[in-house]
Amino acid sequence: MTHPHAITELCDEGARLYASALSLGKIPRSEVGPAPCLLEFALLHPDPDDAGWLRPVPPSAALTQRLHPIEREIQDRRRHSVELTDTFEPFMTISAQNPPPTHAITVLEGFGRINAALDLATAACQTEVLTIQPGGARSEHELTQALERGRPLLDRGISMRTLYQHTVRHSRGTLAYVDLVADGKVEIRTLEELIERLMIFDHTVAFIPATDDRQIALELRHPGMVEYLVKVFEQFWRRGVPLQEPIPYHSNPEGISGVRLSIAQLLVEGHVDEAIARRLGMNVRTCRAHIAKLSSALGSNSRAQLGYLIARSGILDP
């Protein structure tokens, strides 16, 4: 039988029996069955005169035995710290004499480095955060991470403006996240189509993905590049629809909705279903359902005919 706790979590029964053994000088072996941790942690040892009894180890001796490996580890870490300091001391001197310039572009590889850089930017932020979050519903992990990163900003009274795609209006998880941050200086708008993910802090540092899997990101600090991205954000923001307002979809005379017009435009441009779904922040199955209804509305029997009928119908004309 093994007790599922460490010495620092001595159970109540073990503590009571150990105190009793210390008071009486010994304790019957038969009484320690409910607390095998007393023997595992060497707080009791066999009585040399009577095998049916156990004698307590003095608490000072037991404590010393437990502290010794901890103190040794602390000494090893201190020695390691001194060695590291000695190793880097010459480089610190050189760096102090020649301070490096601020990097305009920093490549961040791996989610660990990316999140660490975002955390630093979040901690240093003083005024405003601008974010573009393309795609549909976000995972629970992503929403939890966003809430953990955003809560300190809201507590400091920093404003946040975020652009999502229209499809998040049907995501319960995202709507629940929005409710949690609604008490701060947060504004959220949605658009049918967005560029890739973007985060800007205080108009001074921006983060963009460098690969489709988002395993590599770029940290941008060049004032010209950051200001350009701010202008891109503002252009999208002006076109966005506040989350609290309905999307102003207007069907044309053929009864084709706005989202299907967007799909029609992308079909004419030659995009495949997967690319269209990604651009509009929906899954491929939903995208194909819209294409099927678009085909039905225009009387198409094939994908090739659909493109011809879209062009002939004039639904994409200004």
Protein backbone atom coordinates (compact mmCIF):
# COMPACT_ATOMS: atom_id res chain seq x y z
CA MET A 1 0.00 0.00 0.00
CA THR A 2 1.43 3.40 -0.99
CA HIS A 3 0.24 6.77 0.23
CA PRO A 4 -0.39 9.19 -2.68
CA HIS A 5 1.21 12.25 -1.07
CA ALA A 6 4.60 13.74 -0.32
CA ILE A 7 6.20 14.39 3.08
CA THR A 8 5.06 18.00 2.91
CA GLU A 9 1.49 16.70 2.72
CA LEU A 10 1.56 14.30 5.70
CA CYS A 11 -1.98 13.02 6.16
CA ASP A 12 -3.98 13.76 9.29
CA GLU A 13 -3.80 10.17 10.48
CA GLY A 14 -0.04 10.04 9.96
CA ALA A 15 0.44 13.30 11.83
CA ARG A 16 -1.69 12.05 14.75
CA LEU A 17 0.17 8.74 15.04
CA TYR A 18 3.59 10.40 14.79
CA ALA A 19 2.66 12.88 17.54
CA SER A 20 1.43 9.98 19.69
CA ALA A 21 4.66 8.05 19.11
CA LEU A 22 6.72 11.10 20.10
CA SER A 23 4.67 11.55 23.29
CA LEU A 24 4.81 7.90 24.36
CA GLY A 25 8.26 7.10 22.99
CA LYS A 26 6.93 4.23 20.91
CA ILE A 27 3.80 2.94 19.17
CA PRO A 28 2.45 -0.54 18.37
CA ARG A 29 3.28 -1.62 14.82
CA SER A 30 -0.33 -2.74 14.37
CA GLU A 31 -1.61 0.85 14.74
CA VAL A 32 0.32 2.38 11.83
CA GLY A 33 -1.44 0.35 9.12
CA PRO A 34 -3.70 3.30 8.09
CA ALA A 35 -0.61 5.52 7.60
CA PRO A 36 2.15 3.60 5.79
CA CYS A 37 3.74 6.94 4.93
CA LEU A 38 5.26 7.01 8.42
CA LEU A 39 7.55 4.15 7.45
CA GLU A 40 8.05 5.31 3.86
CA PHE A 41 9.25 8.70 5.10
CA ALA A 42 11.37 7.11 7.85
CA LEU A 43 9.53 8.82 10.68
CA LEU A 44 9.36 5.51 12.59
CA HIS A 45 11.86 2.67 12.91
CA PRO A 46 11.62 -0.85 14.45
CA ASP A 47 12.14 -1.15 18.18
CA PRO A 48 15.33 -3.22 18.59
CA ASP A 49 13.96 -4.75 21.80
CA ASP A 50 10.49 -5.69 20.58
CA ALA A 51 9.54 -6.30 16.93
CA GLY A 52 5.90 -5.50 17.70
CA TRP A 53 6.70 -1.86 18.43
CA LEU A 54 8.04 1.10 16.49
CA ARG A 55 10.02 4.04 17.83
CA PRO A 56 9.80 7.61 16.45
CA VAL A 57 12.72 9.29 14.74
CA PRO A 58 13.33 12.74 16.33
CA PRO A 59 11.72 15.42 14.15
CA SER A 60 15.00 17.36 13.97
CA ALA A 61 16.74 14.32 12.48
CA ALA A 62 13.86 13.65 10.05
CA LEU A 63 13.83 17.29 8.93
CA THR A 64 17.60 17.33 8.39
CA GLN A 65 17.36 14.19 6.30
CA ARG A 66 14.69 15.78 4.10
CA LEU A 67 16.39 19.17 3.78
CA HIS A 68 19.82 17.84 2.86
CA PRO A 69 19.08 17.00 -0.82
CA ILE A 70 17.15 20.27 -1.23
CA GLU A 71 20.05 22.33 0.14
CA ARG A 72 22.47 20.42 -2.08
CA GLU A 73 20.31 21.20 -5.13
CA ILE A 74 20.18 24.89 -4.16
CA GLN A 75 23.99 24.95 -3.87
CA ASP A 76 24.33 23.29 -7.28
CA ARG A 77 22.00 25.87 -8.87
CA ARG A 78 23.88 28.75 -7.23
CA ARG A 79 27.16 27.37 -8.58
CA HIS A 80 25.56 27.02 -12.02
CA SER A 81 24.34 30.64 -11.85
CA VAL A 82 27.84 31.86 -11.01
CA GLU A 83 29.31 29.86 -13.90
CA LEU A 84 26.74 31.30 -16.33
CA THR A 85 27.43 34.83 -15.09
CA ASP A 86 31.19 34.34 -15.57
CA THR A 87 30.61 32.96 -19.09
CA PHE A 88 28.47 35.90 -20.24
CA GLU A 89 30.35 38.68 -18.41
CA PRO A 90 32.76 39.46 -21.31
CA PHE A 91 29.84 39.67 -23.77
CA MET A 92 27.87 41.95 -21.44
CA THR A 93 30.79 44.36 -21.37
CA ILE A 94 30.98 44.42 -25.18
CA SER A 95 27.21 44.89 -25.46
CA ALA A 96 27.27 47.81 -22.99
CA GLN A 97 29.93 49.57 -25.06
CA ASN A 98 28.09 48.95 -28.35
CA PRO A 99 24.33 48.81 -27.73
CA PRO A 100 22.60 46.87 -30.55
CA PRO A 101 20.05 48.71 -32.69
CA THR A 102 16.38 47.81 -32.42
CA HIS A 103 15.60 45.09 -34.94
CA ALA A 104 13.06 46.20 -37.52
CA ILE A 105 12.09 42.56 -38.21
CA THR A 106 12.51 39.66 -35.81
CA VAL A 107 11.73 36.10 -36.89
CA LEU A 108 9.97 34.10 -34.16
CA GLU A 109 10.02 30.32 -34.60
CA GLY A 110 7.72 28.08 -32.57
CA PHE A 111 4.62 28.84 -30.52
CA GLY A 112 6.74 29.21 -27.37
CA ARG A 113 8.79 32.12 -28.73
CA ILE A 114 5.77 33.67 -30.42
CA ASN A 115 3.67 33.61 -27.25
CA ALA A 116 6.58 34.91 -25.16
CA ALA A 117 6.99 37.90 -27.52
CA LEU A 118 3.24 38.56 -27.43
CA ASP A 119 3.27 38.43 -23.64
CA LEU A 120 6.09 41.01 -23.53
CA ALA A 121 4.24 43.30 -25.94
CA THR A 122 1.06 42.92 -23.88
CA ALA A 123 2.86 43.81 -20.66
CA ALA A 124 4.42 46.91 -22.25
CA CYS A 125 1.22 48.12 -23.95
CA GLN A 126 -0.06 51.49 -22.72
CA THR A 127 -2.86 52.70 -25.00
CA GLU A 128 -4.42 50.41 -27.63
CA VAL A 129 -4.37 46.95 -29.18
CA LEU A 130 -5.60 46.31 -32.74
CA THR A 131 -6.19 42.72 -33.86
CA ILE A 132 -7.47 40.92 -36.94
CA GLN A 133 -8.59 37.34 -36.31
CA PRO A 134 -9.62 35.66 -39.58
CA GLY A 135 -11.38 32.31 -39.75
CA GLY A 136 -14.47 30.93 -38.11
CA ALA A 137 -14.94 29.47 -34.65
CA ARG A 138 -11.80 29.46 -32.50
CA SER A 139 -10.81 26.52 -30.31
CA GLU A 140 -11.33 26.53 -26.55
CA HIS A 141 -7.55 26.66 -26.06
CA GLU A 142 -7.21 29.71 -28.32
CA LEU A 143 -10.06 31.51 -26.54
CA THR A 144 -8.64 30.72 -23.10
CA GLN A 145 -5.23 31.99 -24.19
CA ALA A 146 -6.80 35.15 -25.63
CA LEU A 147 -8.71 35.77 -22.39
CA GLU A 148 -5.58 35.29 -20.26
CA ARG A 149 -3.66 37.72 -22.45
CA GLY A 150 -6.48 40.26 -22.76
CA ARG A 151 -7.66 40.42 -19.14
CA PRO A 152 -4.60 42.38 -17.83
CA LEU A 153 -5.04 44.89 -20.68
CA LEU A 154 -8.69 45.45 -19.78
CA ASP A 155 -7.80 45.79 -16.09
CA ARG A 156 -5.36 48.58 -17.04
CA GLY A 157 -8.03 50.39 -19.06
CA ILE A 158 -6.37 49.77 -22.42
CA SER A 159 -8.70 49.85 -25.43
CA MET A 160 -8.97 46.89 -27.78
CA ARG A 161 -10.42 46.78 -31.29
CA THR A 162 -10.84 43.39 -32.95
CA LEU A 163 -12.00 42.34 -36.41
CA TYR A 164 -13.50 38.89 -36.91
CA GLN A 165 -15.23 37.33 -39.89
CA HIS A 166 -19.02 37.14 -40.06
CA THR A 167 -18.95 33.39 -39.40
CA VAL A 168 -18.00 33.89 -35.72
CA ARG A 169 -21.48 35.25 -35.14
CA HIS A 170 -22.59 31.61 -35.14
CA SER A 171 -19.83 30.44 -32.72
CA ARG A 172 -21.06 30.02 -29.15
CA GLY A 173 -17.52 29.86 -27.81
CA THR A 174 -16.49 33.13 -29.43
CA LEU A 175 -19.71 34.86 -28.33
CA ALA A 176 -19.11 33.65 -24.75
CA TYR A 177 -15.57 35.07 -24.91
CA VAL A 178 -16.98 38.38 -26.17
CA ASP A 179 -19.38 38.50 -23.21
CA LEU A 180 -16.47 37.99 -20.79
CA VAL A 181 -14.51 40.96 -22.16
CA ALA A 182 -17.51 43.20 -22.83
CA ASP A 183 -17.06 45.14 -19.59
CA GLY A 184 -13.80 46.70 -20.82
CA LYS A 185 -12.92 49.18 -23.56
CA VAL A 186 -13.50 46.57 -26.26
CA GLU A 187 -14.97 47.08 -29.74
CA ILE A 188 -15.61 44.18 -32.10
CA ARG A 189 -16.64 44.28 -35.74
CA THR A 190 -17.00 41.59 -38.39
CA LEU A 191 -16.39 41.36 -42.12
CA GLU A 192 -17.05 38.67 -44.67
CA GLU A 193 -13.42 38.45 -45.79
CA LEU A 194 -10.21 39.46 -44.00
CA ILE A 195 -6.47 39.31 -44.54
CA GLU A 196 -4.27 37.07 -42.37
CA ARG A 197 -3.93 37.42 -38.59
CA LEU A 198 -2.53 40.72 -37.34
CA MET A 199 -1.81 42.19 -33.90
CA ILE A 200 -0.61 45.75 -33.29
CA PHE A 201 0.34 47.20 -29.90
CA ASP A 202 0.46 50.98 -29.35
CA HIS A 203 1.18 51.61 -33.07
CA THR A 204 4.80 50.60 -32.29
CA VAL A 205 5.05 46.81 -32.71
CA ALA A 206 3.09 44.44 -34.95
CA PHE A 207 2.95 40.67 -35.29
CA ILE A 208 2.03 38.78 -38.46
CA PRO A 209 2.30 35.07 -39.37
CA ALA A 210 5.06 34.05 -41.76
CA THR A 211 3.78 30.55 -42.58
CA ASP A 212 0.34 29.03 -43.11
CA ASP A 213 0.67 26.81 -40.01
CA ARG A 214 1.57 29.92 -37.96
CA GLN A 215 4.62 28.16 -36.50
CA ILE A 216 6.72 31.15 -37.61
CA ALA A 217 5.78 34.79 -37.04
CA LEU A 218 7.37 38.15 -37.71
CA GLU A 219 7.72 40.84 -35.05
CA LEU A 220 7.79 44.20 -36.83
CA ARG A 221 9.11 47.38 -35.19
CA HIS A 222 9.98 49.56 -38.16
CA PRO A 223 7.75 52.66 -37.77
CA GLY A 224 6.94 52.77 -41.48
CA MET A 225 5.87 49.13 -41.65
CA VAL A 226 3.82 49.33 -38.46
CA GLU A 227 2.06 52.51 -39.57
CA TYR A 228 1.26 50.91 -42.94
CA LEU A 229 -0.39 47.96 -41.15
CA VAL A 230 -2.33 50.37 -38.92
CA LYS A 231 -3.76 52.01 -42.06
CA VAL A 232 -4.69 48.58 -43.44
CA PHE A 233 -6.49 47.80 -40.19
CA GLU A 234 -8.34 51.12 -40.21
CA GLN A 235 -9.53 50.53 -43.78
CA PHE A 236 -10.98 47.16 -42.82
CA TRP A 237 -12.39 48.64 -39.60
CA ARG A 238 -14.41 51.27 -41.46
CA ARG A 239 -16.00 48.53 -43.56
CA GLY A 240 -16.70 46.27 -40.57
CA VAL A 241 -20.13 45.72 -39.01
CA PRO A 242 -20.37 46.10 -35.20
CA LEU A 243 -21.04 42.72 -33.62
CA GLN A 244 -24.20 44.04 -31.96
CA GLU A 245 -25.70 45.03 -35.33
CA PRO A 246 -27.17 42.67 -37.95
CA ILE A 247 -25.21 42.05 -41.13
CA PRO A 248 -26.69 44.22 -43.94
CA TYR A 249 -27.09 41.43 -46.48
CA HIS A 250 -29.23 42.45 -49.43
CA SER A 251 -30.41 39.82 -51.86
CA ASN A 252 -30.35 40.72 -55.53
CA PRO A 253 -33.32 40.08 -57.84
CA GLU A 254 -32.20 36.45 -58.26
CA GLY A 255 -32.51 35.96 -54.49
CA ILE A 256 -28.78 35.32 -54.01
CA SER A 257 -27.48 36.42 -50.61
CA GLY A 258 -24.35 38.41 -49.92
CA VAL A 259 -22.27 35.45 -48.80
CA ARG A 260 -23.13 33.55 -51.99
CA LEU A 261 -22.20 36.60 -54.04
CA SER A 262 -18.80 36.53 -52.33
CA ILE A 263 -18.48 32.82 -53.16
CA ALA A 264 -19.51 33.52 -56.75
CA GLN A 265 -16.80 36.17 -57.04
CA LEU A 266 -14.14 33.79 -55.73
CA LEU A 267 -15.36 31.01 -58.04
CA VAL A 268 -15.02 33.30 -61.04
CA GLU A 269 -11.50 34.17 -59.89
CA GLY A 270 -10.64 30.47 -60.05
CA HIS A 271 -10.40 29.55 -56.35
CA VAL A 272 -11.11 25.97 -55.26
CA ASP A 273 -13.60 25.12 -52.52
CA GLU A 274 -10.96 24.80 -49.78
CA ALA A 275 -9.46 28.20 -50.59
CA ILE A 276 -12.90 29.85 -50.68
CA ALA A 277 -13.83 28.34 -47.31
CA ARG A 278 -10.58 29.56 -45.78
CA ARG A 279 -11.00 33.06 -47.21
CA LEU A 280 -14.54 33.36 -45.85
CA GLY A 281 -13.86 31.71 -42.48
CA MET A 282 -16.16 28.72 -42.89
CA ASN A 283 -15.68 24.97 -43.16
CA VAL A 284 -15.55 23.30 -46.58
CA ARG A 285 -18.88 21.51 -46.08
CA THR A 286 -20.71 24.80 -45.48
CA CYS A 287 -18.97 26.36 -48.47
CA ARG A 288 -20.05 23.52 -50.74
CA ALA A 289 -23.63 23.81 -49.47
CA HIS A 290 -23.64 27.48 -50.49
CA ILE A 291 -22.20 26.57 -53.91
CA ALA A 292 -24.95 23.99 -54.38
CA LYS A 293 -27.65 26.56 -53.58
CA LEU A 294 -25.95 29.08 -55.86
CA SER A 295 -25.99 26.47 -58.66
CA SER A 296 -29.66 25.77 -58.02
CA ALA A 297 -30.55 29.46 -58.10
CA LEU A 298 -28.79 29.93 -61.45
CA GLY A 299 -29.92 26.60 -62.93
CA SER A 300 -26.40 25.17 -63.27
CA ASN A 301 -25.70 21.45 -63.74
CA SER A 302 -21.89 21.57 -63.49
CA ARG A 303 -19.06 23.67 -62.07
CA ALA A 304 -18.01 24.83 -65.56
CA GLN A 305 -21.57 25.88 -66.40
CA LEU A 306 -21.84 27.64 -63.04
CA GLY A 307 -18.96 29.97 -63.87
CA TYR A 308 -20.55 30.79 -67.24
CA LEU A 309 -23.96 31.44 -65.66
CA ILE A 310 -22.47 33.67 -62.98
CA ALA A 311 -20.84 35.82 -65.64
CA ARG A 312 -23.97 35.83 -67.83
CA SER A 313 -26.35 36.67 -64.97
CA GLY A 314 -24.63 39.94 -64.14
CA ILE A 315 -24.99 39.33 -60.38
CA LEU A 316 -21.40 40.48 -59.86
CA ASP A 317 -21.82 43.69 -61.80
CA PRO A 318 -21.45 46.84 -59.65
